[in-house]
Structures are given as structure tokens and as C-alpha cells.
């Protein structure tokens, strides 16, 4: 696909007329990263933002003790690094490809010039940034207020995607990465999954497949109304 086609289906620019997409394509730069390759570093100056074409990236921070805390995963069509590009602040976290990844890079100065010519370009970005802020609020709530079983239950419900009790899915990240996202360790995560299976909340093949058997029970666990014991 041409860059303009990838822009047209991205979260930030979906629905924009061709004239706007053509302007964005004219300043876009395609970049490729190998698995485990760093894209940017915490504290470095931001010169633009990115949109994933293919592959997957993680955004994470490192604690003073050297522990990695994953904040987000982003896949095709999703933007990342856009906030610091416009606040003038340095990158607040690290970004790394977790598989071979292609991205579109949009330089800050050129993009700002386009917005000055046509402010409607900024409307979609405001919506996305608002959703991103809500996600960060949920992360903070989960890490500070919920115990690990509640965090995992909330993640499973979200990943299930619909209201059917029998919804099933495959984890698109490793258990180690999921443990980091939830603020725990893989061994604890495995024990909790095993308890969820024994209590009839989910079915799992022990690897990545998960089937929701009792959505109401998971919701109670996520809301702190139930404990695994």
C-alpha cells in the first residue's frame, strides 16, 4: 500500500479528504525497525510522531531498580509519540518494536505547518488524545487500586471484545509482556490464570488461547466484588 492509503485508514486521519491526505503523505517518511530495536528513548527530544503500518510496538518505562513497566502496545493504524511532539517536552517513556515493524514518521515542524494552513487536521487528533488520556487514567487506577486478579480480569473482559459469555481470543502478546503490563511477574500471572480456570471463569490452553466462560464472574472480580481465594 502507498503511504497515503495507510494514512487514510489510521486512527488519526481516517475520514479526511484526499487533499489533506496528499499533504500528509508529502511530509511522511517510512521507517522500518527490527524486533527488539529501540524507536525512541525516555528523555530524548521529540522531533515528530509515528503511525504503525505493520508489526507491533511497546511503550514502557524503567524503574530506578531496573524493572520494566509496560504502558501500552500499539499495532497497525495506531499513532504513538504524538503528545511530546506538540508539547515540546522530551519523550516520557521508551518505545521498542516487539516484532519487525514498519511505521510512518511525521516530522513535527512540517506537520504543524500543515495544521496552520488547515486547522481541521487537528480535530481527529484531539479525539485520539482524549481517548489516550482515558486509557492512562485506567492504567493508573488498575495499578494503584486493583489487585492483580482484578487487573487480569479487566484485561480479559476488554480483550474478549463483546457481551457474549462464550467469547474467545488469543493473546497477541507474550505472558511475560502481559505480566509487565499488569504490574506483576509471569509466575504470579500463571497462578492466577490457573485459579480462574479451576473456578470456571475461563478456559485456557496454558499458552495464549483464552475463552470466557463466566463474564459476570470476571466483572465481579474486576470490580473487587469477588476474590479468587
Protein backbone atom coordinates (compact mmCIF):
# COMPACT_ATOMS: atom_id res chain seq x y z
CA UNK A 1 0.00 0.00 0.00
CA UNK A 2 1.10 3.57 -0.63
CA UNK A 3 1.68 5.85 2.35
CA UNK A 4 -1.48 7.79 1.54
CA UNK A 5 -3.54 4.59 1.86
CA UNK A 6 -2.05 3.80 5.26
CA UNK A 7 -2.80 7.34 6.42
CA UNK A 8 -6.38 7.00 5.19
CA UNK A 9 -7.06 4.03 7.49
CA UNK A 10 -5.12 5.32 10.51
CA UNK A 11 -6.93 6.39 13.66
CA UNK A 12 -5.72 9.97 13.42
CA UNK A 13 -6.60 10.69 9.82
CA UNK A 14 -9.45 8.35 8.92
CA UNK A 15 -12.16 10.20 7.01
CA UNK A 16 -10.01 13.10 5.86
CA UNK A 17 -10.45 14.21 2.24
CA UNK A 18 -7.79 13.24 -0.28
CA UNK A 19 -6.39 16.74 -0.47
CA UNK A 20 -5.46 16.56 3.23
CA UNK A 21 -4.09 13.02 2.91
CA UNK A 22 -1.93 14.08 -0.01
CA UNK A 23 -0.48 16.90 2.06
CA UNK A 24 0.28 14.50 4.93
CA UNK A 25 1.82 11.95 2.57
CA UNK A 26 4.13 14.61 1.16
CA UNK A 27 5.83 15.07 4.56
CA UNK A 28 5.68 11.42 5.69
CA UNK A 29 8.75 9.21 5.98
CA UNK A 30 8.52 5.42 6.07
CA UNK A 31 10.82 3.73 8.60
CA UNK A 32 11.45 0.09 9.45
CA UNK A 33 12.57 -1.45 12.74
CA UNK A 34 13.64 -4.98 13.55
CA UNK A 35 12.30 -6.93 16.52
CA UNK A 36 13.71 -5.58 19.82
CA UNK A 37 15.02 -2.42 18.13
CA UNK A 38 14.51 0.84 20.01
CA UNK A 39 12.44 3.56 18.33
CA UNK A 40 12.94 6.33 20.87
CA UNK A 41 14.28 6.76 24.40
CA UNK A 42 12.88 8.43 27.50
CA UNK A 43 14.29 11.93 27.91
CA UNK A 44 15.28 12.37 24.27
CA UNK A 45 13.98 15.32 22.25
CA UNK A 46 10.88 14.61 20.19
CA UNK A 47 11.06 15.71 16.55
CA UNK A 48 7.82 14.11 15.36
CA UNK A 49 5.38 11.26 15.86
CA UNK A 50 4.65 7.85 14.40
CA UNK A 51 1.87 5.71 12.95
CA UNK A 52 2.26 1.93 12.84
CA UNK A 53 1.92 0.40 9.37
CA UNK A 54 2.65 -3.20 10.32
CA UNK A 55 4.06 -5.01 13.32
CA UNK A 56 3.70 -4.00 16.95
CA UNK A 57 5.49 -1.72 19.40
CA UNK A 58 5.52 -1.34 23.16
CA UNK A 59 5.77 1.84 25.21
CA UNK A 60 7.41 1.32 28.57
CA UNK A 61 9.27 2.92 31.46
CA UNK A 62 12.20 1.66 33.54
CA UNK A 63 12.10 1.99 37.33
CA UNK A 64 15.19 3.09 39.30
CA UNK A 65 15.60 -0.59 40.22
CA UNK A 66 15.69 -1.54 36.53
CA UNK A 67 12.19 -3.07 36.37
CA UNK A 68 10.31 -2.62 33.11
CA UNK A 69 6.69 -1.40 33.29
CA UNK A 70 4.81 -1.64 30.01
CA UNK A 71 2.30 1.17 29.49
CA UNK A 72 0.88 0.46 26.04
CA UNK A 73 1.05 -1.76 23.00
CA UNK A 74 0.29 -0.26 19.59
CA UNK A 75 -0.43 -2.02 16.30
CA UNK A 76 -1.35 -1.17 12.69
CA UNK A 77 -3.15 2.14 12.23
CA UNK A 78 -2.37 3.39 15.72
CA UNK A 79 -0.32 6.54 16.41
CA UNK A 80 2.28 6.92 19.14
CA UNK A 81 4.66 9.60 20.36
CA UNK A 82 2.27 12.37 19.33
CA UNK A 83 1.86 14.13 22.69
CA UNK A 84 5.50 15.17 23.25
CA UNK A 85 5.76 16.18 19.61
CA UNK A 86 3.37 19.05 20.28
CA UNK A 87 4.07 19.92 23.91
CA UNK A 88 7.76 20.40 23.24
CA UNK A 89 8.59 18.02 26.08
CA UNK A 90 11.07 15.14 25.69
CA UNK A 91 9.76 11.61 25.25
CA UNK A 92 8.29 10.49 28.61
CA UNK A 93 8.98 6.78 28.00
CA UNK A 94 10.74 4.27 25.76
CA UNK A 95 9.38 2.74 22.53
CA UNK A 96 10.59 -0.58 21.14
CA UNK A 97 9.48 -2.87 18.31
CA UNK A 98 8.38 -6.25 19.68
CA UNK A 99 8.33 -7.69 16.16
CA UNK A 100 9.57 -6.49 12.78
CA UNK A 101 7.70 -3.21 12.34
CA UNK A 102 7.11 -0.56 9.68
CA UNK A 103 5.98 2.93 10.68
CA UNK A 104 5.20 6.30 9.15
CA UNK A 105 7.13 9.16 10.74
CA UNK A 106 5.63 12.66 10.54
CA UNK A 107 8.11 15.45 11.39
CA UNK A 108 6.75 17.92 13.92
CA UNK A 109 7.63 21.17 12.17
CA UNK A 110 6.20 20.14 8.80
CA UNK A 111 3.04 18.80 10.43
CA UNK A 112 2.48 21.99 12.41
CA UNK A 113 2.78 23.97 9.18
CA UNK A 114 0.02 21.85 7.64
CA UNK A 115 -2.25 22.41 10.65
CA UNK A 116 -1.71 26.16 10.45
CA UNK A 117 -2.91 26.04 6.85
CA UNK A 118 -5.92 23.87 7.72
CA UNK A 119 -6.88 23.54 11.44
CA UNK A 120 -9.40 20.76 10.70
CA UNK A 121 -6.46 18.37 10.63
CA UNK A 122 -6.19 18.75 14.40
CA UNK A 123 -9.76 17.64 15.22
CA UNK A 124 -9.16 13.90 14.90
CA UNK A 125 -6.00 14.25 16.96
CA UNK A 126 -7.94 15.85 19.82
CA UNK A 127 -10.30 12.87 19.93
CA UNK A 128 -7.45 10.33 19.92
CA UNK A 129 -5.52 12.19 22.61
CA UNK A 130 -8.65 12.33 24.77
CA UNK A 131 -9.06 8.55 24.46
CA UNK A 132 -5.36 8.10 25.24
CA UNK A 133 -5.74 10.18 28.41
CA UNK A 134 -8.64 7.97 29.50
CA UNK A 135 -6.51 4.87 28.93
CA UNK A 136 -3.73 6.28 31.12
CA UNK A 137 -6.31 7.07 33.81
CA UNK A 138 -7.48 3.45 33.69
CA UNK A 139 -3.89 2.18 33.90
CA UNK A 140 -3.23 4.29 36.98
CA UNK A 141 -6.47 3.09 38.57
CA UNK A 142 -5.70 -0.56 37.82
CA UNK A 143 -2.13 -0.42 39.11
CA UNK A 144 -2.93 1.55 42.26
CA UNK A 145 -6.39 0.41 43.31
CA UNK A 146 -6.93 -3.13 41.98
CA UNK A 147 -5.18 -6.32 42.97
CA UNK A 148 -3.54 -8.36 40.21
CA UNK A 149 -6.52 -10.77 39.72
CA UNK A 150 -8.79 -7.76 39.18
CA UNK A 151 -6.38 -6.22 36.68
CA UNK A 152 -6.18 -9.50 34.75
CA UNK A 153 -9.96 -9.95 34.80
CA UNK A 154 -10.42 -6.43 33.41
CA UNK A 155 -7.88 -7.16 30.67
CA UNK A 156 -9.61 -10.42 29.70
CA UNK A 157 -13.01 -8.71 29.56
CA UNK A 158 -11.59 -5.93 27.39
CA UNK A 159 -9.83 -8.39 25.08
CA UNK A 160 -12.97 -10.55 24.78
CA UNK A 161 -14.49 -7.67 22.88
CA UNK A 162 -18.22 -8.33 23.16
CA UNK A 163 -21.01 -9.22 25.57
CA UNK A 164 -21.20 -12.93 24.74
CA UNK A 165 -20.21 -15.18 27.64
CA UNK A 166 -18.54 -17.60 25.22
CA UNK A 167 -16.25 -15.03 23.55
CA UNK A 168 -12.75 -16.35 22.94
CA UNK A 169 -9.47 -14.89 21.76
CA UNK A 170 -5.72 -15.45 21.61
CA UNK A 171 -3.32 -13.21 23.48
CA UNK A 172 -1.36 -11.14 20.98
CA UNK A 173 1.46 -10.58 23.46
CA UNK A 174 3.57 -12.98 25.49
CA UNK A 175 2.71 -13.83 29.09
CA UNK A 176 5.87 -12.03 30.16
CA UNK A 177 4.74 -8.87 28.39
CA UNK A 178 1.22 -9.20 29.80
CA UNK A 179 2.66 -9.60 33.30
CA UNK A 180 4.67 -6.40 32.86
CA UNK A 181 1.60 -4.58 31.56
CA UNK A 182 -0.34 -5.64 34.66
CA UNK A 183 2.47 -4.81 37.05
CA UNK A 184 3.28 -8.36 38.15
CA UNK A 185 5.58 -11.28 37.27
CA UNK A 186 4.91 -14.24 34.90
CA UNK A 187 4.79 -16.79 37.72
CA UNK A 188 2.05 -14.86 39.54
CA UNK A 189 0.14 -14.39 36.29
CA UNK A 190 0.24 -18.15 35.59
CA UNK A 191 -1.05 -18.96 39.08
CA UNK A 192 -3.96 -16.54 38.70
CA UNK A 193 -4.88 -17.93 35.28
CA UNK A 194 -4.86 -21.44 36.74
CA UNK A 195 -7.21 -20.35 39.55
CA UNK A 196 -9.52 -18.68 37.02
CA UNK A 197 -9.70 -21.95 35.06
CA UNK A 198 -10.37 -24.02 38.21
CA UNK A 199 -13.18 -21.66 39.27
CA UNK A 200 -14.84 -21.86 35.85
CA UNK A 201 -14.28 -18.23 34.89
CA UNK A 202 -12.25 -19.02 31.78
CA UNK A 203 -10.85 -21.88 29.73
CA UNK A 204 -7.24 -21.75 28.58
CA UNK A 205 -4.77 -23.98 26.76
CA UNK A 206 -1.98 -22.76 29.05
CA UNK A 207 -0.41 -20.72 26.28
CA UNK A 208 -2.31 -17.91 24.53
CA UNK A 209 -5.85 -19.17 23.94
CA UNK A 210 -8.49 -17.88 26.38
CA UNK A 211 -12.24 -18.49 26.34
CA UNK A 212 -14.55 -16.55 28.65
CA UNK A 213 -16.95 -18.91 30.43
CA UNK A 214 -18.34 -16.62 33.15
CA UNK A 215 -18.28 -12.95 32.15
CA UNK A 216 -20.34 -11.90 35.17
CA UNK A 217 -17.85 -13.58 37.50
CA UNK A 218 -14.95 -11.84 35.76
CA UNK A 219 -16.72 -8.49 36.06
CA UNK A 220 -17.21 -9.05 39.79
CA UNK A 221 -13.52 -9.89 40.12
CA UNK A 222 -12.52 -6.80 38.13
CA UNK A 223 -14.75 -4.61 40.30
CA UNK A 224 -13.42 -6.04 43.57
CA UNK A 225 -16.75 -7.69 44.44
CA UNK A 226 -15.22 -11.16 44.27
CA UNK A 227 -11.91 -12.74 45.25
CA UNK A 228 -10.16 -15.77 43.77
CA UNK A 229 -9.14 -17.09 47.18
